[in-house]
Amino acid sequence: MVSLWDLLSLLLVASTVGGTLGGAMSAGGGFARLGLGFLLGLGLGVLLAVGLRRLGSGSPHRLRWLYVAAAVWVILPGPLLGHWMAHGLLRLVLPAP
């Protein structure tokens, strides 16, 4: 059975991957940039989901606020951070021709 916590974790990873793919497209697109953007987003999203899961092993009162923080993170900071990181790193690693 899938819980709300699992769905929030999955949504956290997906929104971060979406942000990094947007950053890869704005950095010039192309197969290599999109592939690196996807890998960067997957790594960042999984890292954030694991951190969120470790923080969620506390008291029920803390868990309530963690649900709110995860929902807010999915909406704006996650995709924005992913976009910013992917755009900057891909511009540095793969300069435009």
PDB file of N, CA and C in Angstrom:
ATOM      1  N   MET A   1       0.842  -1.175   0.000  1.00  0.00           N
ATOM      2  CA  MET A   1       0.000   0.000   0.000  1.00  0.00           C
ATOM      3  C   MET A   1       0.893   1.246   0.000  1.00  0.00           C
ATOM      4  N   VAL A   2       0.504   2.205  -0.781  1.00  0.00           N
ATOM      5  CA  VAL A   2       1.285   3.438  -0.905  1.00  0.00           C
ATOM      6  C   VAL A   2       0.679   4.496   0.016  1.00  0.00           C
ATOM      7  N   SER A   3       1.537   5.118   0.796  1.00  0.00           N
ATOM      8  CA  SER A   3       1.062   6.146   1.715  1.00  0.00           C
ATOM      9  C   SER A   3       1.253   7.536   1.111  1.00  0.00           C
ATOM     10  N   LEU A   4       0.697   8.509   1.768  1.00  0.00           N
ATOM     11  CA  LEU A   4       0.855   9.892   1.338  1.00  0.00           C
ATOM     12  C   LEU A   4       2.333  10.297   1.392  1.00  0.00           C
ATOM     13  N   TRP A   5       3.036   9.766   2.359  1.00  0.00           N
ATOM     14  CA  TRP A   5       4.457  10.073   2.511  1.00  0.00           C
ATOM     15  C   TRP A   5       5.246   9.585   1.304  1.00  0.00           C
ATOM     16  N   ASP A   6       4.921   8.381   0.811  1.00  0.00           N
ATOM     17  CA  ASP A   6       5.595   7.845  -0.378  1.00  0.00           C
ATOM     18  C   ASP A   6       5.274   8.682  -1.607  1.00  0.00           C
ATOM     19  N   LEU A   7       4.027   9.100  -1.746  1.00  0.00           N
ATOM     20  CA  LEU A   7       3.649   9.928  -2.884  1.00  0.00           C
ATOM     21  C   LEU A   7       4.329  11.291  -2.850  1.00  0.00           C
ATOM     22  N   LEU A   8       4.452  11.871  -1.671  1.00  0.00           N
ATOM     23  CA  LEU A   8       5.164  13.142  -1.554  1.00  0.00           C
ATOM     24  C   LEU A   8       6.644  12.979  -1.902  1.00  0.00           C
ATOM     25  N   SER A   9       7.235  11.871  -1.495  1.00  0.00           N
ATOM     26  CA  SER A   9       8.639  11.616  -1.827  1.00  0.00           C
ATOM     27  C   SER A   9       8.814  11.465  -3.334  1.00  0.00           C
ATOM     28  N   LEU A  10       7.904  10.743  -3.975  1.00  0.00           N
ATOM     29  CA  LEU A  10       7.969  10.565  -5.421  1.00  0.00           C
ATOM     30  C   LEU A  10       7.756  11.885  -6.147  1.00  0.00           C
ATOM     31  N   LEU A  11       6.816  12.679  -5.660  1.00  0.00           N
ATOM     32  CA  LEU A  11       6.546  13.987  -6.259  1.00  0.00           C
ATOM     33  C   LEU A  11       7.728  14.929  -6.074  1.00  0.00           C
ATOM     34  N   LEU A  12       8.413  14.803  -4.966  1.00  0.00           N
ATOM     35  CA  LEU A  12       9.606  15.612  -4.711  1.00  0.00           C
ATOM     36  C   LEU A  12      10.690  15.305  -5.739  1.00  0.00           C
ATOM     37  N   VAL A  13      10.906  14.033  -6.012  1.00  0.00           N
ATOM     38  CA  VAL A  13      11.907  13.635  -7.003  1.00  0.00           C
ATOM     39  C   VAL A  13      11.483  14.096  -8.395  1.00  0.00           C
ATOM     40  N   ALA A  14      10.206  13.890  -8.736  1.00  0.00           N
ATOM     41  CA  ALA A  14       9.721  14.253 -10.070  1.00  0.00           C
ATOM     42  C   ALA A  14       9.784  15.756 -10.315  1.00  0.00           C
ATOM     43  N   SER A  15       9.440  16.552  -9.323  1.00  0.00           N
ATOM     44  CA  SER A  15       9.478  18.003  -9.523  1.00  0.00           C
ATOM     45  C   SER A  15      10.912  18.514  -9.651  1.00  0.00           C
ATOM     46  N   THR A  16      11.836  17.893  -8.928  1.00  0.00           N
ATOM     47  CA  THR A  16      13.233  18.288  -9.051  1.00  0.00           C
ATOM     48  C   THR A  16      13.789  17.898 -10.415  1.00  0.00           C
ATOM     49  N   VAL A  17      13.433  16.716 -10.902  1.00  0.00           N
ATOM     50  CA  VAL A  17      13.862  16.294 -12.240  1.00  0.00           C
ATOM     51  C   VAL A  17      13.275  17.222 -13.294  1.00  0.00           C
ATOM     52  N   GLY A  18      12.022  17.603 -13.130  1.00  0.00           N
ATOM     53  CA  GLY A  18      11.406  18.545 -14.069  1.00  0.00           C
ATOM     54  C   GLY A  18      12.111  19.885 -14.086  1.00  0.00           C
ATOM     55  N   GLY A  19      12.508  20.363 -12.927  1.00  0.00           N
ATOM     56  CA  GLY A  19      13.244  21.623 -12.860  1.00  0.00           C
ATOM     57  C   GLY A  19      14.600  21.540 -13.527  1.00  0.00           C
ATOM     58  N   THR A  20      15.290  20.417 -13.335  1.00  0.00           N
ATOM     59  CA  THR A  20      16.605  20.293 -13.960  1.00  0.00           C
ATOM     60  C   THR A  20      16.489  20.113 -15.470  1.00  0.00           C
ATOM     61  N   LEU A  21      15.441  19.448 -15.929  1.00  0.00           N
ATOM     62  CA  LEU A  21      15.248  19.335 -17.375  1.00  0.00           C
ATOM     63  C   LEU A  21      14.923  20.694 -17.994  1.00  0.00           C
ATOM     64  N   GLY A  22      14.177  21.513 -17.269  1.00  0.00           N
ATOM     65  CA  GLY A  22      13.938  22.877 -17.745  1.00  0.00           C
ATOM     66  C   GLY A  22      15.223  23.690 -17.798  1.00  0.00           C
ATOM     67  N   GLY A  23      16.072  23.517 -16.794  1.00  0.00           N
ATOM     68  CA  GLY A  23      17.370  24.194 -16.799  1.00  0.00           C
ATOM     69  C   GLY A  23      18.261  23.722 -17.926  1.00  0.00           C
ATOM     70  N   ALA A  24      18.191  22.415 -18.238  1.00  0.00           N
ATOM     71  CA  ALA A  24      18.984  21.876 -19.340  1.00  0.00           C
ATOM     72  C   ALA A  24      18.489  22.417 -20.675  1.00  0.00           C
ATOM     73  N   MET A  25      17.186  22.566 -20.808  1.00  0.00           N
ATOM     74  CA  MET A  25      16.642  23.128 -22.053  1.00  0.00           C
ATOM     75  C   MET A  25      17.033  24.598 -22.205  1.00  0.00           C
ATOM     76  N   SER A  26      16.999  25.344 -21.112  1.00  0.00           N
ATOM     77  CA  SER A  26      17.367  26.760 -21.210  1.00  0.00           C
ATOM     78  C   SER A  26      18.875  26.954 -21.346  1.00  0.00           C
ATOM     79  N   ALA A  27      19.661  25.911 -21.032  1.00  0.00           N
ATOM     80  CA  ALA A  27      21.113  25.990 -21.212  1.00  0.00           C
ATOM     81  C   ALA A  27      21.522  25.630 -22.632  1.00  0.00           C
ATOM     82  N   GLY A  28      20.571  25.279 -23.451  1.00  0.00           N
ATOM     83  CA  GLY A  28      20.894  25.005 -24.850  1.00  0.00           C
ATOM     84  C   GLY A  28      20.297  23.731 -25.397  1.00  0.00           C
ATOM     85  N   GLY A  29      19.676  22.910 -24.563  1.00  0.00           N
ATOM     86  CA  GLY A  29      19.056  21.677 -25.034  1.00  0.00           C
ATOM     87  C   GLY A  29      20.074  20.675 -25.520  1.00  0.00           C
ATOM     88  N   GLY A  30      19.632  19.761 -26.355  1.00  0.00           N
ATOM     89  CA  GLY A  30      20.521  18.733 -26.875  1.00  0.00           C
ATOM     90  C   GLY A  30      20.488  17.487 -26.017  1.00  0.00           C
ATOM     91  N   PHE A  31      20.870  16.370 -26.614  1.00  0.00           N
ATOM     92  CA  PHE A  31      20.804  15.080 -25.934  1.00  0.00           C
ATOM     93  C   PHE A  31      21.730  15.022 -24.718  1.00  0.00           C
ATOM     94  N   ALA A  32      22.941  15.503 -24.859  1.00  0.00           N
ATOM     95  CA  ALA A  32      23.913  15.431 -23.758  1.00  0.00           C
ATOM     96  C   ALA A  32      23.469  16.295 -22.579  1.00  0.00           C
ATOM     97  N   ARG A  33      22.995  17.488 -22.870  1.00  0.00           N
ATOM     98  CA  ARG A  33      22.549  18.375 -21.780  1.00  0.00           C
ATOM     99  C   ARG A  33      21.325  17.817 -21.081  1.00  0.00           C
ATOM    100  N   LEU A  34      20.380  17.277 -21.847  1.00  0.00           N
ATOM    101  CA  LEU A  34      19.186  16.701 -21.231  1.00  0.00           C
ATOM    102  C   LEU A  34      19.530  15.463 -20.402  1.00  0.00           C
ATOM    103  N   GLY A  35      20.449  14.649 -20.902  1.00  0.00           N
ATOM    104  CA  GLY A  35      20.863  13.470 -20.140  1.00  0.00           C
ATOM    105  C   GLY A  35      21.541  13.835 -18.838  1.00  0.00           C
ATOM    106  N   LEU A  36      22.463  14.796 -18.903  1.00  0.00           N
ATOM    107  CA  LEU A  36      23.132  15.248 -17.676  1.00  0.00           C
ATOM    108  C   LEU A  36      22.156  15.948 -16.739  1.00  0.00           C
ATOM    109  N   GLY A  37      21.220  16.706 -17.304  1.00  0.00           N
ATOM    110  CA  GLY A  37      20.212  17.357 -16.480  1.00  0.00           C
ATOM    111  C   GLY A  37      19.322  16.349 -15.774  1.00  0.00           C
ATOM    112  N   PHE A  38      18.955  15.275 -16.488  1.00  0.00           N
ATOM    113  CA  PHE A  38      18.136  14.235 -15.875  1.00  0.00           C
ATOM    114  C   PHE A  38      18.891  13.553 -14.738  1.00  0.00           C
ATOM    115  N   LEU A  39      20.147  13.213 -14.973  1.00  0.00           N
ATOM    116  CA  LEU A  39      20.929  12.556 -13.925  1.00  0.00           C
ATOM    117  C   LEU A  39      21.141  13.468 -12.719  1.00  0.00           C
ATOM    118  N   LEU A  40      21.380  14.736 -12.984  1.00  0.00           N
ATOM    119  CA  LEU A  40      21.541  15.693 -11.890  1.00  0.00           C
ATOM    120  C   LEU A  40      20.244  15.823 -11.092  1.00  0.00           C
ATOM    121  N   GLY A  41      19.127  15.914 -11.785  1.00  0.00           N
ATOM    122  CA  GLY A  41      17.835  16.020 -11.104  1.00  0.00           C
ATOM    123  C   GLY A  41      17.484  14.776 -10.327  1.00  0.00           C
ATOM    124  N   LEU A  42      17.784  13.611 -10.890  1.00  0.00           N
ATOM    125  CA  LEU A  42      17.506  12.368 -10.193  1.00  0.00           C
ATOM    126  C   LEU A  42      18.344  12.259  -8.926  1.00  0.00           C
ATOM    127  N   GLY A  43      19.623  12.600  -9.026  1.00  0.00           N
ATOM    128  CA  GLY A  43      20.481  12.554  -7.843  1.00  0.00           C
ATOM    129  C   GLY A  43      20.056  13.540  -6.772  1.00  0.00           C
ATOM    130  N   LEU A  44      19.754  14.761  -7.191  1.00  0.00           N
ATOM    131  CA  LEU A  44      19.328  15.778  -6.230  1.00  0.00           C
ATOM    132  C   LEU A  44      17.980  15.427  -5.609  1.00  0.00           C
ATOM    133  N   GLY A  45      17.053  14.944  -6.420  1.00  0.00           N
ATOM    134  CA  GLY A  45      15.731  14.574  -5.909  1.00  0.00           C
ATOM    135  C   GLY A  45      15.785  13.418  -4.932  1.00  0.00           C
ATOM    136  N   VAL A  46      16.577  12.400  -5.252  1.00  0.00           N
ATOM    137  CA  VAL A  46      16.700  11.257  -4.346  1.00  0.00           C
ATOM    138  C   VAL A  46      17.386  11.681  -3.048  1.00  0.00           C
ATOM    139  N   LEU A  47      18.386  12.531  -3.157  1.00  0.00           N
ATOM    140  CA  LEU A  47      19.061  13.029  -1.959  1.00  0.00           C
ATOM    141  C   LEU A  47      18.091  13.795  -1.058  1.00  0.00           C
ATOM    142  N   LEU A  48      17.262  14.636  -1.650  1.00  0.00           N
ATOM    143  CA  LEU A  48      16.278  15.382  -0.867  1.00  0.00           C
ATOM    144  C   LEU A  48      15.214  14.465  -0.280  1.00  0.00           C
ATOM    145  N   ALA A  49      14.778  13.466  -1.034  1.00  0.00           N
ATOM    146  CA  ALA A  49      13.762  12.533  -0.535  1.00  0.00           C
ATOM    147  C   ALA A  49      14.297  11.693   0.622  1.00  0.00           C
ATOM    148  N   VAL A  50      15.551  11.266   0.528  1.00  0.00           N
ATOM    149  CA  VAL A  50      16.146  10.490   1.617  1.00  0.00           C
ATOM    150  C   VAL A  50      16.285  11.359   2.866  1.00  0.00           C
ATOM    151  N   GLY A  51      16.710  12.604   2.681  1.00  0.00           N
ATOM    152  CA  GLY A  51      16.802  13.513   3.824  1.00  0.00           C
ATOM    153  C   GLY A  51      15.457  13.777   4.464  1.00  0.00           C
ATOM    154  N   LEU A  52      14.434  13.926   3.642  1.00  0.00           N
ATOM    155  CA  LEU A  52      13.088  14.146   4.166  1.00  0.00           C
ATOM    156  C   LEU A  52      12.590  12.927   4.919  1.00  0.00           C
ATOM    157  N   ARG A  53      12.903  11.745   4.401  1.00  0.00           N
ATOM    158  CA  ARG A  53      12.470  10.508   5.044  1.00  0.00           C
ATOM    159  C   ARG A  53      13.161  10.320   6.396  1.00  0.00           C
ATOM    160  N   ARG A  54      14.432  10.694   6.464  1.00  0.00           N
ATOM    161  CA  ARG A  54      15.145  10.573   7.739  1.00  0.00           C
ATOM    162  C   ARG A  54      14.625  11.569   8.767  1.00  0.00           C
ATOM    163  N   LEU A  55      14.243  12.749   8.306  1.00  0.00           N
ATOM    164  CA  LEU A  55      13.675  13.728   9.234  1.00  0.00           C
ATOM    165  C   LEU A  55      12.288  13.321   9.718  1.00  0.00           C
ATOM    166  N   GLY A  56      11.583  12.519   8.934  1.00  0.00           N
ATOM    167  CA  GLY A  56      10.217  12.134   9.267  1.00  0.00           C
ATOM    168  C   GLY A  56      10.092  11.052  10.313  1.00  0.00           C
ATOM    169  N   SER A  57      11.178  10.584  10.860  1.00  0.00           N
ATOM    170  CA  SER A  57      11.101   9.509  11.852  1.00  0.00           C
ATOM    171  C   SER A  57      10.981  10.054  13.273  1.00  0.00           C
ATOM    172  N   GLY A  58      10.449  11.240  13.431  1.00  0.00           N
ATOM    173  CA  GLY A  58      10.347  11.864  14.753  1.00  0.00           C
ATOM    174  C   GLY A  58       8.934  11.811  15.301  1.00  0.00           C
ATOM    175  N   SER A  59       8.599  12.814  16.064  1.00  0.00           N
ATOM    176  CA  SER A  59       7.298  12.869  16.720  1.00  0.00           C
ATOM    177  C   SER A  59       6.190  13.197  15.709  1.00  0.00           C
ATOM    178  N   PRO A  60       4.937  12.857  16.016  1.00  0.00           N
ATOM    179  CA  PRO A  60       3.831  13.162  15.098  1.00  0.00           C
ATOM    180  C   PRO A  60       3.645  14.661  14.857  1.00  0.00           C
ATOM    181  N   HIS A  61       3.937  15.483  15.868  1.00  0.00           N
ATOM    182  CA  HIS A  61       3.805  16.933  15.685  1.00  0.00           C
ATOM    183  C   HIS A  61       4.817  17.429  14.658  1.00  0.00           C
ATOM    184  N   ARG A  62       6.040  16.926  14.736  1.00  0.00           N
ATOM    185  CA  ARG A  62       7.073  17.299  13.770  1.00  0.00           C
ATOM    186  C   ARG A  62       6.739  16.758  12.385  1.00  0.00           C
ATOM    187  N   LEU A  63       6.141  15.594  12.338  1.00  0.00           N
ATOM    188  CA  LEU A  63       5.768  14.982  11.069  1.00  0.00           C
ATOM    189  C   LEU A  63       4.710  15.814  10.351  1.00  0.00           C
ATOM    190  N   ARG A  64       3.806  16.409  11.093  1.00  0.00           N
ATOM    191  CA  ARG A  64       2.775  17.272  10.497  1.00  0.00           C
ATOM    192  C   ARG A  64       3.409  18.450   9.759  1.00  0.00           C
ATOM    193  N   TRP A  65       4.378  19.083  10.388  1.00  0.00           N
ATOM    194  CA  TRP A  65       5.053  20.211   9.749  1.00  0.00           C
ATOM    195  C   TRP A  65       5.926  19.759   8.585  1.00  0.00           C
ATOM    196  N   LEU A  66       6.413  18.538   8.668  1.00  0.00           N
ATOM    197  CA  LEU A  66       7.214  17.997   7.576  1.00  0.00           C
ATOM    198  C   LEU A  66       6.371  17.739   6.338  1.00  0.00           C
ATOM    199  N   TYR A  67       5.119  17.314   6.523  1.00  0.00           N
ATOM    200  CA  TYR A  67       4.200  17.174   5.396  1.00  0.00           C
ATOM    201  C   TYR A  67       3.998  18.518   4.699  1.00  0.00           C
ATOM    202  N   VAL A  68       3.800  19.561   5.476  1.00  0.00           N
ATOM    203  CA  VAL A  68       3.607  20.899   4.920  1.00  0.00           C
ATOM    204  C   VAL A  68       4.876  21.360   4.202  1.00  0.00           C
ATOM    205  N   ALA A  69       6.021  21.136   4.821  1.00  0.00           N
ATOM    206  CA  ALA A  69       7.280  21.548   4.201  1.00  0.00           C
ATOM    207  C   ALA A  69       7.532  20.794   2.902  1.00  0.00           C
ATOM    208  N   ALA A  70       7.199  19.513   2.862  1.00  0.00           N
ATOM    209  CA  ALA A  70       7.390  18.730   1.637  1.00  0.00           C
ATOM    210  C   ALA A  70       6.467  19.221   0.530  1.00  0.00           C
ATOM    211  N   ALA A  71       5.220  19.536   0.876  1.00  0.00           N
ATOM    212  CA  ALA A  71       4.273  20.032  -0.129  1.00  0.00           C
ATOM    213  C   ALA A  71       4.721  21.382  -0.679  1.00  0.00           C
ATOM    214  N   VAL A  72       5.218  22.246   0.180  1.00  0.00           N
ATOM    215  CA  VAL A  72       5.703  23.556  -0.280  1.00  0.00           C
ATOM    216  C   VAL A  72       6.968  23.379  -1.120  1.00  0.00           C
ATOM    217  N   TRP A  73       7.843  22.466  -0.727  1.00  0.00           N
ATOM    218  CA  TRP A  73       9.086  22.231  -1.465  1.00  0.00           C
ATOM    219  C   TRP A  73       8.799  21.757  -2.888  1.00  0.00           C
ATOM    220  N   VAL A  74       7.772  20.939  -3.051  1.00  0.00           N
ATOM    221  CA  VAL A  74       7.416  20.407  -4.368  1.00  0.00           C
ATOM    222  C   VAL A  74       6.940  21.528  -5.287  1.00  0.00           C
ATOM    223  N   ILE A  75       6.276  22.528  -4.735  1.00  0.00           N
ATOM    224  CA  ILE A  75       5.681  23.580  -5.562  1.00  0.00           C
ATOM    225  C   ILE A  75       6.714  24.551  -6.097  1.00  0.00           C
ATOM    226  N   LEU A  76       7.605  25.088  -5.263  1.00  0.00           N
ATOM    227  CA  LEU A  76       8.513  26.118  -5.764  1.00  0.00           C
ATOM    228  C   LEU A  76      10.002  25.863  -5.531  1.00  0.00           C
ATOM    229  N   PRO A  77      10.477  25.664  -4.322  1.00  0.00           N
ATOM    230  CA  PRO A  77      11.936  25.602  -4.139  1.00  0.00           C
ATOM    231  C   PRO A  77      12.609  24.428  -4.841  1.00  0.00           C
ATOM    232  N   GLY A  78      11.984  23.258  -4.892  1.00  0.00           N
ATOM    233  CA  GLY A  78      12.594  22.096  -5.528  1.00  0.00           C
ATOM    234  C   GLY A  78      12.863  22.305  -7.011  1.00  0.00           C
ATOM    235  N   PRO A  79      11.823  22.626  -7.795  1.00  0.00           N
ATOM    236  CA  PRO A  79      12.072  22.864  -9.221  1.00  0.00           C
ATOM    237  C   PRO A  79      12.972  24.067  -9.486  1.00  0.00           C
ATOM    238  N   LEU A  80      12.847  25.101  -8.679  1.00  0.00           N
ATOM    239  CA  LEU A  80      13.674  26.295  -8.874  1.00  0.00           C
ATOM    240  C   LEU A  80      15.143  25.995  -8.594  1.00  0.00           C
ATOM    241  N   LEU A  81      15.410  25.272  -7.525  1.00  0.00           N
ATOM    242  CA  LEU A  81      16.785  24.892  -7.201  1.00  0.00           C
ATOM    243  C   LEU A  81      17.357  23.980  -8.282  1.00  0.00           C
ATOM    244  N   GLY A  82      16.545  23.023  -8.753  1.00  0.00           N
ATOM    245  CA  GLY A  82      16.998  22.139  -9.815  1.00  0.00           C
ATOM    246  C   GLY A  82      17.295  22.891 -11.104  1.00  0.00           C
ATOM    247  N   HIS A  83      16.440  23.839 -11.445  1.00  0.00           N
ATOM    248  CA  HIS A  83      16.644  24.633 -12.660  1.00  0.00           C
ATOM    249  C   HIS A  83      17.919  25.461 -12.551  1.00  0.00           C
ATOM    250  N   TRP A  84      18.084  26.108 -11.429  1.00  0.00           N
ATOM    251  CA  TRP A  84      19.250  26.961 -11.217  1.00  0.00           C
ATOM    252  C   TRP A  84      20.545  26.153 -11.265  1.00  0.00           C
ATOM    253  N   MET A  85      20.558  25.004 -10.588  1.00  0.00           N
ATOM    254  CA  MET A  85      21.775  24.182 -10.557  1.00  0.00           C
ATOM    255  C   MET A  85      22.090  23.603 -11.925  1.00  0.00           C
ATOM    256  N   ALA A  86      21.080  23.077 -12.615  1.00  0.00           N
ATOM    257  CA  ALA A  86      21.329  22.468 -13.923  1.00  0.00           C
ATOM    258  C   ALA A  86      21.785  23.511 -14.930  1.00  0.00           C
ATOM    259  N   HIS A  87      21.149  24.661 -14.928  1.00  0.00           N
ATOM    260  CA  HIS A  87      21.519  25.710 -15.879  1.00  0.00           C
ATOM    261  C   HIS A  87      22.967  26.156 -15.655  1.00  0.00           C
ATOM    262  N   GLY A  88      23.317  26.410 -14.409  1.00  0.00           N
ATOM    263  CA  GLY A  88      24.671  26.858 -14.100  1.00  0.00           C
ATOM    264  C   GLY A  88      25.730  25.801 -14.379  1.00  0.00           C
ATOM    265  N   LEU A  89      25.480  24.574 -13.938  1.00  0.00           N
ATOM    266  CA  LEU A  89      26.474  23.519 -14.129  1.00  0.00           C
ATOM    267  C   LEU A  89      26.628  23.134 -15.596  1.00  0.00           C
ATOM    268  N   LEU A  90      25.520  23.087 -16.320  1.00  0.00           N
ATOM    269  CA  LEU A  90      25.625  22.703 -17.727  1.00  0.00           C
ATOM    270  C   LEU A  90      26.276  23.796 -18.555  1.00  0.00           C
ATOM    271  N   ARG A  91      26.068  25.049 -18.208  1.00  0.00           N
ATOM    272  CA  ARG A  91      26.769  26.129 -18.896  1.00  0.00           C
ATOM    273  C   ARG A  91      28.265  26.071 -18.628  1.00  0.00           C
ATOM    274  N   LEU A  92      28.624  25.634 -17.413  1.00  0.00           N
ATOM    275  CA  LEU A  92      30.040  25.533 -17.052  1.00  0.00           C
ATOM    276  C   LEU A  92      30.707  24.320 -17.698  1.00  0.00           C
ATOM    277  N   VAL A  93      30.024  23.168 -17.685  1.00  0.00           N
ATOM    278  CA  VAL A  93      30.599  21.926 -18.176  1.00  0.00           C
ATOM    279  C   VAL A  93      30.525  21.835 -19.697  1.00  0.00           C
ATOM    280  N   LEU A  94      29.381  22.187 -20.274  1.00  0.00           N
ATOM    281  CA  LEU A  94      29.190  22.092 -21.715  1.00  0.00           C
ATOM    282  C   LEU A  94      28.894  23.476 -22.273  1.00  0.00           C
ATOM    283  N   PRO A  95      29.914  24.271 -22.558  1.00  0.00           N
ATOM    284  CA  PRO A  95      29.649  25.600 -23.087  1.00  0.00           C
ATOM    285  C   PRO A  95      28.979  25.538 -24.458  1.00  0.00           C
ATOM    286  N   ALA A  96      28.195  26.544 -24.756  1.00  0.00           N
ATOM    287  CA  ALA A  96      27.475  26.592 -26.027  1.00  0.00           C
ATOM    288  C   ALA A  96      28.467  26.747 -27.181  1.00  0.00           C
ATOM    289  N   PRO A  97      28.199  26.102 -28.321  1.00  0.00           N
ATOM    290  CA  PRO A  97      29.128  26.202 -29.459  1.00  0.00           C
ATOM    291  C   PRO A  97      29.145  27.573 -30.080  1.00  0.00           C
TER     292      PRO A  97
END
